[in-house]
């Protein structure tokens, strides 16, 4: 009798273990299917990789794939139909895309894939002038004149304490965020385009007034934020929240 009871006990335990494993696998699969798939492009500019990766790995509901690329990240944009991501986040600098890969990038945006552009990625593709229209800003790497318009070389300074004003408290990206201070790198003398919806600003004299905004390009949602130079920003609660909500907004979630 005792032997039979032990056999039943073992069988019940095995059954519970099997069912538990099954449900855990189902939950994991559902989580994977419902998570936003985010492609983060870095390259040709230094940054604190540990803190940066930790920040992206902390974003709930997002599966972030970080790709550090060389001067030409075009291999990421080979096939429009098989592009597996919901959002592209650029944190690259001074990279090149071929004419064909530029067209693919634009076609990906036309499919509704969102674009979030961080900090120095405002100059991510300096030879691709259309990218300036996509982002909504012109940041030249050296002083230049185009036709009748002159572009001075921007200035930058690290370690600046900037007071940030939330210009639109009702926007999904700024939801739950009020004015705050952050230590970051300031950019000045770049050109802000018409058609942007301003979210954040500053009165710091070392920076342009505009800090973050949204716009639409090729039917996709675009979010740019000037903040994000290093560890101080990556570990800033307000910055993390802005970035996570910004990515979700560009994905139309």
Protein backbone atom coordinates (compact mmCIF):
# COMPACT_ATOMS: atom_id res chain seq x y z
CA UNK A 1 0.00 0.00 0.00
CA UNK A 2 2.81 2.40 0.96
CA UNK A 3 4.57 1.62 -2.31
CA UNK A 4 1.44 2.46 -4.31
CA UNK A 5 1.06 5.79 -2.47
CA UNK A 6 4.68 6.70 -3.32
CA UNK A 7 4.09 5.83 -6.97
CA UNK A 8 0.98 8.08 -7.04
CA UNK A 9 2.92 10.85 -5.32
CA UNK A 10 5.72 10.65 -7.88
CA UNK A 11 3.25 10.59 -10.79
CA UNK A 12 1.39 13.65 -9.47
CA UNK A 13 4.67 15.47 -8.95
CA UNK A 14 5.81 14.65 -12.46
CA UNK A 15 2.45 15.78 -13.88
CA UNK A 16 2.61 19.11 -12.00
CA UNK A 17 6.21 19.67 -13.10
CA UNK A 18 5.29 18.97 -16.74
CA UNK A 19 2.24 21.24 -16.67
CA UNK A 20 4.26 24.00 -14.97
CA UNK A 21 6.94 23.75 -17.63
CA UNK A 22 4.34 23.89 -20.37
CA UNK A 23 2.64 27.00 -19.01
CA UNK A 24 5.99 28.70 -18.41
CA UNK A 25 6.94 28.08 -22.04
CA UNK A 26 3.56 29.43 -23.21
CA UNK A 27 3.98 32.54 -21.05
CA UNK A 28 7.50 33.05 -22.39
CA UNK A 29 6.25 32.68 -25.96
CA UNK A 30 3.41 35.15 -25.43
CA UNK A 31 5.80 37.60 -23.80
CA UNK A 32 8.20 37.31 -26.74
CA UNK A 33 5.39 37.80 -29.25
CA UNK A 34 3.97 40.85 -27.45
CA UNK A 35 7.31 42.55 -26.67
CA UNK A 36 8.37 45.41 -28.89
CA UNK A 37 11.34 44.42 -31.00
CA UNK A 38 13.82 47.28 -30.93
CA UNK A 39 16.98 47.60 -33.04
CA UNK A 40 19.58 49.88 -31.42
CA UNK A 41 22.36 50.99 -33.78
CA UNK A 42 25.64 52.26 -32.32
CA UNK A 43 29.09 52.81 -33.79
CA UNK A 44 31.99 55.19 -34.51
CA UNK A 45 31.43 57.14 -31.28
CA UNK A 46 32.48 56.16 -27.78
CA UNK A 47 30.04 55.57 -24.93
CA UNK A 48 29.72 53.70 -21.63
CA UNK A 49 28.58 50.35 -23.01
CA UNK A 50 27.83 48.73 -19.65
CA UNK A 51 25.51 51.51 -18.44
CA UNK A 52 23.98 51.93 -21.90
CA UNK A 53 23.19 48.22 -22.26
CA UNK A 54 21.89 48.05 -18.68
CA UNK A 55 19.47 50.89 -19.43
CA UNK A 56 18.02 49.20 -22.51
CA UNK A 57 17.82 45.82 -20.79
CA UNK A 58 15.73 47.44 -18.02
CA UNK A 59 12.91 48.44 -20.39
CA UNK A 60 9.90 46.21 -19.70
CA UNK A 61 7.98 44.97 -22.70
CA UNK A 62 10.89 45.57 -25.06
CA UNK A 63 13.32 43.17 -26.64
CA UNK A 64 16.28 45.41 -27.47
CA UNK A 65 18.98 44.20 -29.85
CA UNK A 66 22.09 46.39 -29.78
CA UNK A 67 24.22 46.31 -32.92
CA UNK A 68 27.56 48.10 -32.93
CA UNK A 69 28.42 48.78 -36.55
CA UNK A 70 31.39 50.19 -38.44
CA UNK A 71 31.27 53.07 -40.90
CA UNK A 72 28.62 51.36 -43.03
CA UNK A 73 25.66 49.77 -41.18
CA UNK A 74 23.90 49.04 -44.46
CA UNK A 75 23.78 45.29 -43.84
CA UNK A 76 21.01 45.96 -41.32
CA UNK A 77 18.79 47.31 -44.11
CA UNK A 78 19.07 44.65 -46.79
CA UNK A 79 15.47 43.45 -46.94
CA UNK A 80 12.36 45.52 -46.28
CA UNK A 81 9.94 42.59 -46.13
CA UNK A 82 12.05 40.61 -43.66
CA UNK A 83 12.93 43.53 -41.37
CA UNK A 84 12.03 42.07 -37.95
CA UNK A 85 11.90 45.17 -35.75
CA UNK A 86 9.14 47.54 -34.65
CA UNK A 87 11.44 50.47 -33.87
CA UNK A 88 14.91 51.63 -34.90
CA UNK A 89 16.94 53.53 -32.28
CA UNK A 90 20.02 55.28 -33.65
CA UNK A 91 22.95 56.13 -31.40
CA UNK A 92 25.50 56.14 -34.18
CA UNK A 93 27.71 58.91 -35.50
CA UNK A 94 29.18 59.86 -38.86
CA UNK A 95 28.28 56.65 -40.68
CA UNK A 96 27.51 56.07 -44.37
CA UNK A 97 24.62 54.45 -46.16
CA UNK A 98 24.65 53.63 -49.85
CA UNK A 99 21.91 55.09 -52.03
CA UNK A 100 20.27 51.67 -52.13
CA UNK A 101 20.33 51.29 -48.34
CA UNK A 102 18.94 54.80 -47.93
CA UNK A 103 15.98 53.78 -50.09
CA UNK A 104 15.54 50.64 -47.99
CA UNK A 105 15.64 52.69 -44.79
CA UNK A 106 12.93 54.97 -46.17
CA UNK A 107 10.85 51.98 -47.27
CA UNK A 108 11.11 50.55 -43.74
CA UNK A 109 9.79 53.83 -42.35
CA UNK A 110 6.94 53.72 -44.87
CA UNK A 111 5.95 50.35 -43.37
CA UNK A 112 5.35 52.14 -40.07
CA UNK A 113 8.53 51.18 -38.25
CA UNK A 114 9.27 53.92 -35.71
CA UNK A 115 12.52 55.87 -35.39
CA UNK A 116 14.05 57.20 -32.17
CA UNK A 117 17.22 59.27 -32.56
CA UNK A 118 19.49 59.86 -29.57
CA UNK A 119 22.00 62.58 -28.84
CA UNK A 120 24.96 62.49 -31.31
CA UNK A 121 22.93 60.46 -33.82
CA UNK A 122 21.60 63.83 -34.95
CA UNK A 123 24.74 63.59 -37.13
CA UNK A 124 24.45 59.85 -37.68
CA UNK A 125 24.52 60.05 -41.48
CA UNK A 126 26.05 63.44 -42.42
CA UNK A 127 26.32 62.64 -46.14
CA UNK A 128 22.61 61.76 -46.36
CA UNK A 129 20.85 65.13 -46.42
CA UNK A 130 17.37 63.58 -46.42
CA UNK A 131 18.15 62.19 -42.97
CA UNK A 132 18.15 65.79 -41.71
CA UNK A 133 14.55 66.09 -42.87
CA UNK A 134 13.69 62.78 -41.26
CA UNK A 135 15.10 63.89 -37.89
CA UNK A 136 14.02 67.51 -38.17
CA UNK A 137 17.40 69.16 -37.62
CA UNK A 138 20.66 70.00 -39.37
CA UNK A 139 23.89 69.40 -37.48
CA UNK A 140 26.88 69.92 -39.78
CA UNK A 141 30.30 68.57 -38.82
CA UNK A 142 32.07 71.57 -40.30
CA UNK A 143 31.03 75.06 -41.35
CA UNK A 144 29.40 75.00 -44.77
CA UNK A 145 27.16 76.90 -47.16
CA UNK A 146 24.38 75.32 -49.21
CA UNK A 147 23.06 77.67 -51.83
CA UNK A 148 22.19 80.88 -50.00
CA UNK A 149 22.07 79.30 -46.56
CA UNK A 150 25.08 79.29 -44.23
CA UNK A 151 25.51 76.63 -41.54
CA UNK A 152 28.00 77.40 -38.76
CA UNK A 153 29.86 74.59 -37.06
CA UNK A 154 27.94 73.64 -33.90
CA UNK A 155 29.50 73.85 -30.46
CA UNK A 156 29.32 71.25 -27.72
CA UNK A 157 30.27 70.99 -24.08
CA UNK A 158 30.21 67.99 -21.74
CA UNK A 159 29.23 67.96 -18.07
CA UNK A 160 26.63 70.71 -18.22
CA UNK A 161 23.86 70.88 -15.61
CA UNK A 162 20.79 71.67 -17.68
CA UNK A 163 17.38 72.56 -16.37
CA UNK A 164 14.85 70.90 -18.65
CA UNK A 165 11.34 72.27 -19.13
CA UNK A 166 8.54 69.96 -20.28
CA UNK A 167 6.76 71.89 -23.03
CA UNK A 168 3.92 69.40 -23.54
CA UNK A 169 2.77 67.68 -20.37
CA UNK A 170 -0.03 65.85 -22.19
CA UNK A 171 2.06 63.98 -24.75
CA UNK A 172 2.47 60.19 -24.24
CA UNK A 173 6.26 60.56 -24.27
CA UNK A 174 6.30 63.08 -21.41
CA UNK A 175 3.50 61.45 -19.41
CA UNK A 176 4.32 61.49 -15.69
CA UNK A 177 7.36 63.73 -16.14
CA UNK A 178 7.76 67.28 -14.82
CA UNK A 179 10.62 69.78 -15.18
CA UNK A 180 13.96 68.28 -14.13
CA UNK A 181 17.72 68.86 -14.09
CA UNK A 182 20.25 66.58 -15.78
CA UNK A 183 24.03 66.61 -16.21
CA UNK A 184 24.71 66.02 -19.89
CA UNK A 185 26.39 67.30 -23.04
CA UNK A 186 24.99 70.49 -24.57
CA UNK A 187 24.77 71.21 -28.30
CA UNK A 188 24.55 74.75 -29.71
CA UNK A 189 24.29 76.42 -33.14
CA UNK A 190 22.64 73.56 -35.01
CA UNK A 191 19.48 74.25 -37.05
CA UNK A 192 15.99 73.31 -35.87
CA UNK A 193 13.52 72.52 -38.68
CA UNK A 194 9.93 73.59 -39.10
CA UNK A 195 7.26 70.96 -38.57
CA UNK A 196 8.56 69.58 -35.27
CA UNK A 197 6.40 69.23 -32.17
CA UNK A 198 8.52 70.45 -29.24
CA UNK A 199 8.46 68.34 -26.07
CA UNK A 200 11.45 69.55 -24.02
CA UNK A 201 13.43 72.79 -23.88
CA UNK A 202 16.15 74.52 -21.89
CA UNK A 203 17.32 78.08 -21.23
CA UNK A 204 20.93 77.03 -20.75
CA UNK A 205 23.13 79.38 -22.79
CA UNK A 206 25.43 76.53 -23.84
CA UNK A 207 22.60 74.76 -25.65
CA UNK A 208 20.02 75.37 -28.32
CA UNK A 209 16.61 75.88 -26.74
CA UNK A 210 15.09 72.75 -28.30
CA UNK A 211 15.94 69.50 -26.50
CA UNK A 212 13.40 66.92 -27.68
CA UNK A 213 10.64 66.77 -30.26
CA UNK A 214 8.51 64.56 -32.47
CA UNK A 215 7.65 64.70 -36.13
CA UNK A 216 6.44 62.46 -38.95
CA UNK A 217 8.47 61.30 -41.92
CA UNK A 218 7.58 58.80 -44.65
CA UNK A 219 4.49 58.00 -42.59
CA UNK A 220 6.55 56.93 -39.57
CA UNK A 221 6.70 58.48 -36.12
CA UNK A 222 10.03 60.13 -35.30
CA UNK A 223 11.33 61.08 -31.85
CA UNK A 224 14.59 62.94 -31.24
CA UNK A 225 16.15 63.75 -27.87
CA UNK A 226 19.42 65.66 -27.51
CA UNK A 227 20.12 64.17 -24.08
CA UNK A 228 22.03 60.92 -23.64
CA UNK A 229 25.80 61.50 -23.67
CA UNK A 230 26.88 59.14 -20.93
CA UNK A 231 26.33 57.32 -17.66
CA UNK A 232 24.76 60.31 -15.87
CA UNK A 233 22.00 60.33 -18.47
CA UNK A 234 21.63 56.55 -18.76
CA UNK A 235 21.04 56.30 -15.01
CA UNK A 236 18.74 59.34 -14.82
CA UNK A 237 15.18 58.22 -14.02
CA UNK A 238 13.57 60.93 -16.14
CA UNK A 239 15.75 60.18 -19.14
CA UNK A 240 15.01 56.46 -18.93
CA UNK A 241 11.30 57.12 -18.73
CA UNK A 242 11.39 59.55 -21.66
CA UNK A 243 13.33 57.10 -23.77
CA UNK A 244 11.13 54.10 -22.97
CA UNK A 245 7.93 56.06 -23.59
CA UNK A 246 9.44 57.61 -26.71
CA UNK A 247 10.27 54.21 -28.19
CA UNK A 248 6.76 52.95 -27.41
CA UNK A 249 5.22 56.06 -29.01
CA UNK A 250 7.20 55.69 -32.24
CA UNK A 251 6.01 52.07 -32.37
CA UNK A 252 2.43 53.40 -32.09
CA UNK A 253 1.89 51.53 -28.83
